[in-house]
Amino acid sequence: MSKMVIQGPKLLGKVIIKGIIKAETGLHIGSSQQALEIGGIDNPIIRNPMTREPYIPGSSLKGKMRSLMEIAHSKTLVVIREDMPRIHYCSDPDCEVCRIFGRPADDEKTKTEHNMLTRLSVRDAFLTPESRAELENIETGYFMSEIKWENQIDRLTSAANPRQTERVPPGAKFFFEMSYDIYDEKDVEYLEYLFEGMKLVEDSYIGGQGSRGYGKIKFHDLEITLKNRDVYLGKEAEKMLSVDGKSKFTLDAIFTNLRSKEKTIIDEVKEFIIPTTN
């Protein structure tokens, strides 16, 4: 019996996006309570178990970007398994969501017909040194957080049900990092959709209770670093992009650059990462 040989994908390079996430309003990314404590907080935030500092899980940011992209591009949602949330996946090789976030491989049919590698990896975002120092000195009675009291009112009986929600105070800043893999030229072109996802998050929220004003964020001081195969082989130095002559920029500056008639970020990524044949 002959073996089937399938050509695997070839990594051409990576686009590394770093910057600052600023909490414009109180931020609540919840954590499950391990034990019920007398006088404890009803809705605690997630914390680093080693330092007890609040952080933003990469899964929270990536998941929000994906769900907003699905809505923005009117993607159908499917149930892969009963224990998984409804997400979009399809067999379209040009699907913006599937190309950036990947397609799952759940059964034999899916593995052969629909599986696609994820291009995007999102790291956990941790406090900047400045925000760490500020939060250590806030006088709220809680470590690096604040408590917001809310009242849930029964509309039929008018009975009040007060509850506490723990939040990271507005103004807190976190370092974030994303890594976007390039396998072909189309991956470079789809970088624009990644920036779109980030912009959608800015105009929405991350974490819980966003409809009540929680979780509004803003991306600041963005940096884009390019690494091709020669960088990983030690033959070439990585390249940092600039926008309008600046090494740190905003999302708005990126979109202005992408709409310009001159050399854009997309052009620079192609030039540095996509190999040319002589």
C-alpha atoms as a PDB file:
ATOM      1  CA  MET A   1       0.000   0.000   0.000  1.00  0.00           C
ATOM      2  CA  SER A   2       1.528   3.305  -1.095  1.00  0.00           C
ATOM      3  CA  LYS A   3       1.739   6.209   1.307  1.00  0.00           C
ATOM      4  CA  MET A   4       0.106   9.534   0.559  1.00  0.00           C
ATOM      5  CA  VAL A   5       2.574  12.442   0.626  1.00  0.00           C
ATOM      6  CA  ILE A   6       1.182  15.896   1.338  1.00  0.00           C
ATOM      7  CA  GLN A   7       3.255  19.056   1.045  1.00  0.00           C
ATOM      8  CA  GLY A   8       3.146  20.888   4.369  1.00  0.00           C
ATOM      9  CA  PRO A   9       3.018  24.672   4.763  1.00  0.00           C
ATOM     10  CA  LYS A  10       6.246  26.665   4.660  1.00  0.00           C
ATOM     11  CA  LEU A  11       6.700  29.507   7.132  1.00  0.00           C
ATOM     12  CA  LEU A  12       8.096  32.544   5.318  1.00  0.00           C
ATOM     13  CA  GLY A  13       8.214  34.874   8.302  1.00  0.00           C
ATOM     14  CA  LYS A  14       6.359  36.606  11.101  1.00  0.00           C
ATOM     15  CA  VAL A  15       4.900  40.024  11.782  1.00  0.00           C
ATOM     16  CA  ILE A  16       5.210  40.927  15.474  1.00  0.00           C
ATOM     17  CA  ILE A  17       2.834  43.615  16.757  1.00  0.00           C
ATOM     18  CA  LYS A  18       3.528  45.083  20.189  1.00  0.00           C
ATOM     19  CA  GLY A  19       2.118  47.997  22.109  1.00  0.00           C
ATOM     20  CA  ILE A  20       0.075  49.222  25.037  1.00  0.00           C
ATOM     21  CA  ILE A  21      -3.538  48.479  25.900  1.00  0.00           C
ATOM     22  CA  LYS A  22      -5.059  51.250  28.001  1.00  0.00           C
ATOM     23  CA  ALA A  23      -8.249  50.621  29.966  1.00  0.00           C
ATOM     24  CA  GLU A  24     -10.443  53.625  29.165  1.00  0.00           C
ATOM     25  CA  THR A  25     -13.119  52.415  31.598  1.00  0.00           C
ATOM     26  CA  GLY A  26     -13.112  49.917  34.456  1.00  0.00           C
ATOM     27  CA  LEU A  27     -12.061  46.477  33.215  1.00  0.00           C
ATOM     28  CA  HIS A  28     -13.573  43.229  34.471  1.00  0.00           C
ATOM     29  CA  ILE A  29     -12.252  39.936  33.124  1.00  0.00           C
ATOM     30  CA  GLY A  30     -13.733  37.411  35.494  1.00  0.00           C
ATOM     31  CA  SER A  31     -12.148  34.550  37.376  1.00  0.00           C
ATOM     32  CA  SER A  32     -13.883  31.545  38.871  1.00  0.00           C
ATOM     33  CA  GLN A  33     -13.943  31.540  42.653  1.00  0.00           C
ATOM     34  CA  GLN A  34     -12.173  28.559  44.154  1.00  0.00           C
ATOM     35  CA  ALA A  35     -14.038  28.883  47.443  1.00  0.00           C
ATOM     36  CA  LEU A  36     -16.923  30.914  48.809  1.00  0.00           C
ATOM     37  CA  GLU A  37     -15.619  33.307  51.442  1.00  0.00           C
ATOM     38  CA  ILE A  38     -17.656  35.265  53.990  1.00  0.00           C
ATOM     39  CA  GLY A  39     -17.429  38.891  52.904  1.00  0.00           C
ATOM     40  CA  GLY A  40     -15.728  37.875  49.664  1.00  0.00           C
ATOM     41  CA  ILE A  41     -16.215  39.579  46.304  1.00  0.00           C
ATOM     42  CA  ASP A  42     -19.133  38.332  44.183  1.00  0.00           C
ATOM     43  CA  ASN A  43     -17.354  38.799  40.842  1.00  0.00           C
ATOM     44  CA  PRO A  44     -13.545  38.759  41.192  1.00  0.00           C
ATOM     45  CA  ILE A  45     -11.136  39.559  38.369  1.00  0.00           C
ATOM     46  CA  ILE A  46      -8.560  37.171  36.955  1.00  0.00           C
ATOM     47  CA  ARG A  47      -5.085  37.515  38.481  1.00  0.00           C
ATOM     48  CA  ASN A  48      -1.614  36.137  37.936  1.00  0.00           C
ATOM     49  CA  PRO A  49      -1.376  33.341  40.544  1.00  0.00           C
ATOM     50  CA  MET A  50       2.316  34.104  41.124  1.00  0.00           C
ATOM     51  CA  THR A  51       2.087  37.870  41.664  1.00  0.00           C
ATOM     52  CA  ARG A  52      -1.657  38.427  42.272  1.00  0.00           C
ATOM     53  CA  GLU A  53      -1.531  41.197  39.663  1.00  0.00           C
ATOM     54  CA  PRO A  54      -4.440  41.609  37.226  1.00  0.00           C
ATOM     55  CA  TYR A  55      -3.749  40.849  33.569  1.00  0.00           C
ATOM     56  CA  ILE A  56      -5.563  40.446  30.247  1.00  0.00           C
ATOM     57  CA  PRO A  57      -5.530  36.848  28.955  1.00  0.00           C
ATOM     58  CA  GLY A  58      -4.557  36.521  25.319  1.00  0.00           C
ATOM     59  CA  SER A  59      -7.622  34.320  24.809  1.00  0.00           C
ATOM     60  CA  SER A  60      -9.917  37.176  25.888  1.00  0.00           C
ATOM     61  CA  LEU A  61      -8.461  39.579  23.330  1.00  0.00           C
ATOM     62  CA  LYS A  62      -8.203  37.035  20.511  1.00  0.00           C
ATOM     63  CA  GLY A  63     -11.687  35.648  21.147  1.00  0.00           C
ATOM     64  CA  LYS A  64     -13.226  39.117  21.113  1.00  0.00           C
ATOM     65  CA  MET A  65     -11.435  40.000  17.875  1.00  0.00           C
ATOM     66  CA  ARG A  66     -12.680  36.806  16.253  1.00  0.00           C
ATOM     67  CA  SER A  67     -16.313  37.229  17.330  1.00  0.00           C
ATOM     68  CA  LEU A  68     -16.403  40.854  16.146  1.00  0.00           C
ATOM     69  CA  MET A  69     -14.840  39.871  12.809  1.00  0.00           C
ATOM     70  CA  GLU A  70     -17.498  37.168  12.378  1.00  0.00           C
ATOM     71  CA  ILE A  71     -20.209  39.783  12.908  1.00  0.00           C
ATOM     72  CA  ALA A  72     -18.553  42.435  10.752  1.00  0.00           C
ATOM     73  CA  HIS A  73     -18.277  40.024   7.807  1.00  0.00           C
ATOM     74  CA  SER A  74     -21.642  38.315   8.464  1.00  0.00           C
ATOM     75  CA  LYS A  75     -20.160  34.854   8.920  1.00  0.00           C
ATOM     76  CA  THR A  76     -22.310  31.825   9.671  1.00  0.00           C
ATOM     77  CA  LEU A  77     -21.742  30.114  13.027  1.00  0.00           C
ATOM     78  CA  VAL A  78     -21.541  26.355  13.461  1.00  0.00           C
ATOM     79  CA  VAL A  79     -21.450  23.922  16.375  1.00  0.00           C
ATOM     80  CA  ILE A  80     -18.311  21.810  16.186  1.00  0.00           C
ATOM     81  CA  ARG A  81     -18.800  20.085  19.520  1.00  0.00           C
ATOM     82  CA  GLU A  82     -21.430  20.548  22.192  1.00  0.00           C
ATOM     83  CA  ASP A  83     -18.791  21.600  24.733  1.00  0.00           C
ATOM     84  CA  MET A  84     -17.408  24.350  22.457  1.00  0.00           C
ATOM     85  CA  PRO A  85     -18.881  27.786  21.730  1.00  0.00           C
ATOM     86  CA  ARG A  86     -20.433  28.459  18.338  1.00  0.00           C
ATOM     87  CA  ILE A  87     -17.785  29.815  15.991  1.00  0.00           C
ATOM     88  CA  HIS A  88     -17.395  30.216  12.256  1.00  0.00           C
ATOM     89  CA  TYR A  89     -15.432  27.907   9.996  1.00  0.00           C
ATOM     90  CA  CYS A  90     -15.801  27.068   6.337  1.00  0.00           C
ATOM     91  CA  SER A  91     -13.944  25.628   3.348  1.00  0.00           C
ATOM     92  CA  ASP A  92     -13.359  28.992   1.658  1.00  0.00           C
ATOM     93  CA  PRO A  93      -9.578  29.508   1.278  1.00  0.00           C
ATOM     94  CA  ASP A  94     -10.148  33.280   1.105  1.00  0.00           C
ATOM     95  CA  CYS A  95     -12.248  33.570   4.275  1.00  0.00           C
ATOM     96  CA  GLU A  96     -10.890  36.453   6.360  1.00  0.00           C
ATOM     97  CA  VAL A  97     -11.811  34.855   9.696  1.00  0.00           C
ATOM     98  CA  CYS A  98     -10.578  31.338   8.935  1.00  0.00           C
ATOM     99  CA  ARG A  99      -7.298  32.513   7.404  1.00  0.00           C
ATOM    100  CA  ILE A 100      -6.382  34.667  10.419  1.00  0.00           C
ATOM    101  CA  PHE A 101      -7.816  32.577  13.265  1.00  0.00           C
ATOM    102  CA  GLY A 102      -7.619  29.102  11.747  1.00  0.00           C
ATOM    103  CA  ARG A 103     -10.058  26.256  11.252  1.00  0.00           C
ATOM    104  CA  PRO A 104     -10.478  23.390  13.738  1.00  0.00           C
ATOM    105  CA  ALA A 105      -9.750  19.764  12.937  1.00  0.00           C
ATOM    106  CA  ASP A 106     -12.420  17.786  14.745  1.00  0.00           C
ATOM    107  CA  ASP A 107     -12.959  14.663  12.670  1.00  0.00           C
ATOM    108  CA  GLU A 108     -11.364  12.904   9.727  1.00  0.00           C
ATOM    109  CA  LYS A 109     -13.401  14.821   7.149  1.00  0.00           C
ATOM    110  CA  THR A 110     -12.533  18.150   8.715  1.00  0.00           C
ATOM    111  CA  LYS A 111      -8.838  17.313   8.877  1.00  0.00           C
ATOM    112  CA  THR A 112      -8.597  16.599   5.186  1.00  0.00           C
ATOM    113  CA  GLU A 113     -11.018  19.167   3.759  1.00  0.00           C
ATOM    114  CA  HIS A 114     -11.231  22.145   6.072  1.00  0.00           C
ATOM    115  CA  ASN A 115      -8.301  22.318   8.474  1.00  0.00           C
ATOM    116  CA  MET A 116      -6.302  25.560   8.286  1.00  0.00           C
ATOM    117  CA  LEU A 117      -3.460  26.747  10.478  1.00  0.00           C
ATOM    118  CA  THR A 118      -4.074  29.774  12.629  1.00  0.00           C
ATOM    119  CA  ARG A 119      -1.904  32.721  11.660  1.00  0.00           C
ATOM    120  CA  LEU A 120      -2.479  34.756  14.804  1.00  0.00           C
ATOM    121  CA  SER A 121      -1.068  34.141  18.292  1.00  0.00           C
ATOM    122  CA  VAL A 122      -1.973  36.575  21.088  1.00  0.00           C
ATOM    123  CA  ARG A 123       0.070  36.670  24.313  1.00  0.00           C
ATOM    124  CA  ASP A 124      -1.236  37.492  27.769  1.00  0.00           C
ATOM    125  CA  ALA A 125      -0.975  41.229  28.471  1.00  0.00           C
ATOM    126  CA  PHE A 126       0.678  42.262  31.755  1.00  0.00           C
ATOM    127  CA  LEU A 127       0.807  45.585  33.570  1.00  0.00           C
ATOM    128  CA  THR A 128       3.398  48.166  32.600  1.00  0.00           C
ATOM    129  CA  PRO A 129       5.822  49.147  35.399  1.00  0.00           C
ATOM    130  CA  GLU A 130       4.184  52.571  35.654  1.00  0.00           C
ATOM    131  CA  SER A 131       0.681  51.133  36.056  1.00  0.00           C
ATOM    132  CA  ARG A 132       1.958  48.537  38.504  1.00  0.00           C
ATOM    133  CA  ALA A 133       3.370  51.284  40.712  1.00  0.00           C
ATOM    134  CA  GLU A 134       0.177  53.342  40.473  1.00  0.00           C
ATOM    135  CA  LEU A 135      -2.139  50.445  41.280  1.00  0.00           C
ATOM    136  CA  GLU A 136      -0.025  49.391  44.259  1.00  0.00           C
ATOM    137  CA  ASN A 137      -0.663  52.806  45.800  1.00  0.00           C
ATOM    138  CA  ILE A 138      -4.384  53.254  45.170  1.00  0.00           C
ATOM    139  CA  GLU A 139      -6.503  53.481  48.309  1.00  0.00           C
ATOM    140  CA  THR A 140      -9.457  51.242  47.580  1.00  0.00           C
ATOM    141  CA  GLY A 141      -8.910  48.581  50.217  1.00  0.00           C
ATOM    142  CA  TYR A 142      -8.208  46.005  47.509  1.00  0.00           C
ATOM    143  CA  PHE A 143      -4.935  44.974  45.880  1.00  0.00           C
ATOM    144  CA  MET A 144      -4.570  46.722  42.497  1.00  0.00           C
ATOM    145  CA  SER A 145      -8.329  46.877  41.933  1.00  0.00           C
ATOM    146  CA  GLU A 146     -11.529  48.661  42.855  1.00  0.00           C
ATOM    147  CA  ILE A 147     -14.974  47.445  43.854  1.00  0.00           C
ATOM    148  CA  LYS A 148     -18.085  48.699  42.100  1.00  0.00           C
ATOM    149  CA  TRP A 149     -21.385  48.161  43.884  1.00  0.00           C
ATOM    150  CA  GLU A 150     -24.401  47.491  41.679  1.00  0.00           C
ATOM    151  CA  ASN A 151     -28.064  46.835  42.366  1.00  0.00           C
ATOM    152  CA  GLN A 152     -30.050  44.307  40.385  1.00  0.00           C
ATOM    153  CA  ILE A 153     -33.724  45.256  40.651  1.00  0.00           C
ATOM    154  CA  ASP A 154     -36.520  42.712  40.153  1.00  0.00           C
ATOM    155  CA  ARG A 155     -38.920  44.414  37.743  1.00  0.00           C
ATOM    156  CA  LEU A 156     -41.957  42.630  39.179  1.00  0.00           C
ATOM    157  CA  THR A 157     -41.324  42.893  42.916  1.00  0.00           C
ATOM    158  CA  SER A 158     -38.851  45.831  42.964  1.00  0.00           C
ATOM    159  CA  ALA A 159     -36.687  43.759  45.286  1.00  0.00           C
ATOM    160  CA  ALA A 160     -33.038  44.833  45.280  1.00  0.00           C
ATOM    161  CA  ASN A 161     -30.179  42.385  44.925  1.00  0.00           C
ATOM    162  CA  PRO A 162     -26.926  44.268  45.608  1.00  0.00           C
ATOM    163  CA  ARG A 163     -23.708  42.748  44.332  1.00  0.00           C
ATOM    164  CA  GLN A 164     -20.008  43.605  44.127  1.00  0.00           C
ATOM    165  CA  THR A 165     -17.949  43.581  40.963  1.00  0.00           C
ATOM    166  CA  GLU A 166     -14.174  43.832  41.058  1.00  0.00           C
ATOM    167  CA  ARG A 167     -12.564  45.940  38.315  1.00  0.00           C
ATOM    168  CA  VAL A 168      -9.177  47.134  37.168  1.00  0.00           C
ATOM    169  CA  PRO A 169      -9.482  50.949  37.473  1.00  0.00           C
ATOM    170  CA  PRO A 170      -9.629  53.147  34.354  1.00  0.00           C
ATOM    171  CA  GLY A 171      -6.227  54.295  33.140  1.00  0.00           C
ATOM    172  CA  ALA A 172      -4.400  51.017  33.789  1.00  0.00           C
ATOM    173  CA  LYS A 173      -1.985  50.063  30.992  1.00  0.00           C
ATOM    174  CA  PHE A 174      -0.863  46.632  29.828  1.00  0.00           C
ATOM    175  CA  PHE A 175       1.880  45.458  27.472  1.00  0.00           C
ATOM    176  CA  PHE A 176       0.499  43.289  24.666  1.00  0.00           C
ATOM    177  CA  GLU A 177       2.084  41.258  21.874  1.00  0.00           C
ATOM    178  CA  MET A 178       0.677  39.482  18.819  1.00  0.00           C
ATOM    179  CA  SER A 179       2.483  37.252  16.361  1.00  0.00           C
ATOM    180  CA  TYR A 180       1.117  36.836  12.824  1.00  0.00           C
ATOM    181  CA  ASP A 181       2.556  34.046  10.659  1.00  0.00           C
ATOM    182  CA  ILE A 182       3.131  34.486   6.924  1.00  0.00           C
ATOM    183  CA  TYR A 183       2.861  31.427   4.676  1.00  0.00           C
ATOM    184  CA  ASP A 184       2.101  33.116   1.356  1.00  0.00           C
ATOM    185  CA  GLU A 185       1.578  36.518  -0.221  1.00  0.00           C
ATOM    186  CA  LYS A 186      -2.156  36.510   0.536  1.00  0.00           C
ATOM    187  CA  ASP A 187      -1.382  36.288   4.265  1.00  0.00           C
ATOM    188  CA  VAL A 188       0.380  39.637   3.935  1.00  0.00           C
ATOM    189  CA  GLU A 189      -2.647  41.211   2.265  1.00  0.00           C
ATOM    190  CA  TYR A 190      -4.903  39.904   5.031  1.00  0.00           C
ATOM    191  CA  LEU A 191      -2.937  41.869   7.624  1.00  0.00           C
ATOM    192  CA  GLU A 192      -5.436  44.650   6.937  1.00  0.00           C
ATOM    193  CA  TYR A 193      -8.193  42.458   8.410  1.00  0.00           C
ATOM    194  CA  LEU A 194      -6.118  41.918  11.546  1.00  0.00           C
ATOM    195  CA  PHE A 195      -5.898  45.688  12.036  1.00  0.00           C
ATOM    196  CA  GLU A 196      -9.635  45.853  11.368  1.00  0.00           C
ATOM    197  CA  GLY A 197     -10.224  43.366  14.196  1.00  0.00           C
ATOM    198  CA  MET A 198      -8.175  45.506  16.575  1.00  0.00           C
ATOM    199  CA  LYS A 199     -10.179  48.590  15.583  1.00  0.00           C
ATOM    200  CA  LEU A 200     -13.447  46.751  16.142  1.00  0.00           C
ATOM    201  CA  VAL A 201     -12.318  45.879  19.663  1.00  0.00           C
ATOM    202  CA  GLU A 202     -11.563  49.537  20.396  1.00  0.00           C
ATOM    203  CA  ASP A 203     -15.151  50.427  19.533  1.00  0.00           C
ATOM    204  CA  SER A 204     -16.554  47.524  21.538  1.00  0.00           C
ATOM    205  CA  TYR A 205     -15.169  46.113  24.818  1.00  0.00           C
ATOM    206  CA  ILE A 206     -13.293  43.192  26.307  1.00  0.00           C
ATOM    207  CA  GLY A 207     -14.227  41.266  29.414  1.00  0.00           C
ATOM    208  CA  GLY A 208     -17.634  41.267  31.016  1.00  0.00           C
ATOM    209  CA  GLN A 209     -20.459  43.750  31.463  1.00  0.00           C
ATOM    210  CA  GLY A 210     -19.480  45.859  28.480  1.00  0.00           C
ATOM    211  CA  SER A 211     -23.062  46.993  27.876  1.00  0.00           C
ATOM    212  CA  ARG A 212     -22.885  48.757  31.257  1.00  0.00           C
ATOM    213  CA  GLY A 213     -19.742  50.657  30.366  1.00  0.00           C
ATOM    214  CA  TYR A 214     -16.999  48.217  31.371  1.00  0.00           C
ATOM    215  CA  GLY A 215     -14.063  47.131  29.236  1.00  0.00           C
ATOM    216  CA  LYS A 216     -13.481  49.964  26.757  1.00  0.00           C
ATOM    217  CA  ILE A 217      -9.831  49.884  25.667  1.00  0.00           C
ATOM    218  CA  LYS A 218      -7.479  51.777  23.372  1.00  0.00           C
ATOM    219  CA  PHE A 219      -4.314  50.565  21.621  1.00  0.00           C
ATOM    220  CA  HIS A 220      -1.331  52.901  22.026  1.00  0.00           C
ATOM    221  CA  ASP A 221       2.344  53.010  20.981  1.00  0.00           C
ATOM    222  CA  LEU A 222       2.064  50.268  18.377  1.00  0.00           C
ATOM    223  CA  GLU A 223       5.298  48.754  17.057  1.00  0.00           C
ATOM    224  CA  ILE A 224       5.572  46.379  14.089  1.00  0.00           C
ATOM    225  CA  THR A 225       8.620  44.146  13.662  1.00  0.00           C
ATOM    226  CA  LEU A 226       9.240  41.933  10.631  1.00  0.00           C
ATOM    227  CA  LYS A 227      11.138  38.658  10.717  1.00  0.00           C
ATOM    228  CA  ASN A 228      11.797  36.585   7.607  1.00  0.00           C
ATOM    229  CA  ARG A 229      13.444  33.161   7.387  1.00  0.00           C
ATOM    230  CA  ASP A 230      16.937  34.654   7.180  1.00  0.00           C
ATOM    231  CA  VAL A 231      16.363  36.413  10.512  1.00  0.00           C
ATOM    232  CA  TYR A 232      15.723  33.046  12.165  1.00  0.00           C
ATOM    233  CA  LEU A 233      18.800  31.602  10.462  1.00  0.00           C
ATOM    234  CA  GLY A 234      20.921  34.431  11.824  1.00  0.00           C
ATOM    235  CA  LYS A 235      21.712  35.772   8.345  1.00  0.00           C
ATOM    236  CA  GLU A 236      19.782  39.029   8.571  1.00  0.00           C
ATOM    237  CA  ALA A 237      18.548  41.500  11.177  1.00  0.00           C
ATOM    238  CA  GLU A 238      14.861  41.967  11.909  1.00  0.00           C
ATOM    239  CA  LYS A 239      13.193  45.079  10.536  1.00  0.00           C
ATOM    240  CA  MET A 240      11.081  47.589  12.469  1.00  0.00           C
ATOM    241  CA  LEU A 241       8.476  49.461  10.449  1.00  0.00           C
ATOM    242  CA  SER A 242       7.770  53.157  10.797  1.00  0.00           C
ATOM    243  CA  VAL A 243       4.635  55.135   9.977  1.00  0.00           C
ATOM    244  CA  ASP A 244       5.038  58.815   9.105  1.00  0.00           C
ATOM    245  CA  GLY A 245       8.637  58.522  10.294  1.00  0.00           C
ATOM    246  CA  LYS A 246       7.594  57.267  13.739  1.00  0.00           C
ATOM    247  CA  SER A 247       8.476  53.893  15.247  1.00  0.00           C
ATOM    248  CA  LYS A 248       5.420  53.999  17.550  1.00  0.00           C
ATOM    249  CA  PHE A 249       2.012  54.833  16.150  1.00  0.00           C
ATOM    250  CA  THR A 250      -1.766  54.432  16.459  1.00  0.00           C
ATOM    251  CA  LEU A 251      -4.269  52.284  14.586  1.00  0.00           C
ATOM    252  CA  ASP A 252      -5.590  55.395  12.887  1.00  0.00           C
ATOM    253  CA  ALA A 253      -2.092  56.107  11.549  1.00  0.00           C
ATOM    254  CA  ILE A 254      -1.916  52.541  10.203  1.00  0.00           C
ATOM    255  CA  PHE A 255      -5.211  52.893   8.308  1.00  0.00           C
ATOM    256  CA  THR A 256      -4.128  56.261   6.915  1.00  0.00           C
ATOM    257  CA  ASN A 257      -0.954  54.559   5.704  1.00  0.00           C
ATOM    258  CA  LEU A 258      -2.893  51.677   4.115  1.00  0.00           C
ATOM    259  CA  ARG A 259      -5.062  54.137   2.173  1.00  0.00           C
ATOM    260  CA  SER A 260      -2.101  56.161   0.888  1.00  0.00           C
ATOM    261  CA  LYS A 261      -0.875  55.935  -2.694  1.00  0.00           C
ATOM    262  CA  GLU A 262       2.741  55.704  -1.602  1.00  0.00           C
ATOM    263  CA  LYS A 263       4.591  52.669  -0.218  1.00  0.00           C
ATOM    264  CA  THR A 264       2.394  51.115   2.488  1.00  0.00           C
ATOM    265  CA  ILE A 265       3.013  48.777   5.399  1.00  0.00           C
ATOM    266  CA  ILE A 266       1.679  45.915   3.264  1.00  0.00           C
ATOM    267  CA  ASP A 267       4.232  46.695   0.550  1.00  0.00           C
ATOM    268  CA  GLU A 268       7.074  46.748   3.081  1.00  0.00           C
ATOM    269  CA  VAL A 269       6.025  43.409   4.593  1.00  0.00           C
ATOM    270  CA  LYS A 270       5.886  41.799   1.137  1.00  0.00           C
ATOM    271  CA  GLU A 271       9.284  43.184   0.210  1.00  0.00           C
ATOM    272  CA  PHE A 272      10.958  41.907   3.376  1.00  0.00           C
ATOM    273  CA  ILE A 273       9.246  38.536   3.909  1.00  0.00           C
ATOM    274  CA  ILE A 274       8.086  37.182   0.533  1.00  0.00           C
ATOM    275  CA  PRO A 275      11.056  35.594  -1.290  1.00  0.00           C
ATOM    276  CA  THR A 276      11.765  36.765  -4.820  1.00  0.00           C
ATOM    277  CA  THR A 277      12.973  34.584  -7.690  1.00  0.00           C
ATOM    278  CA  ASN A 278      15.805  35.838  -9.850  1.00  0.00           C
END
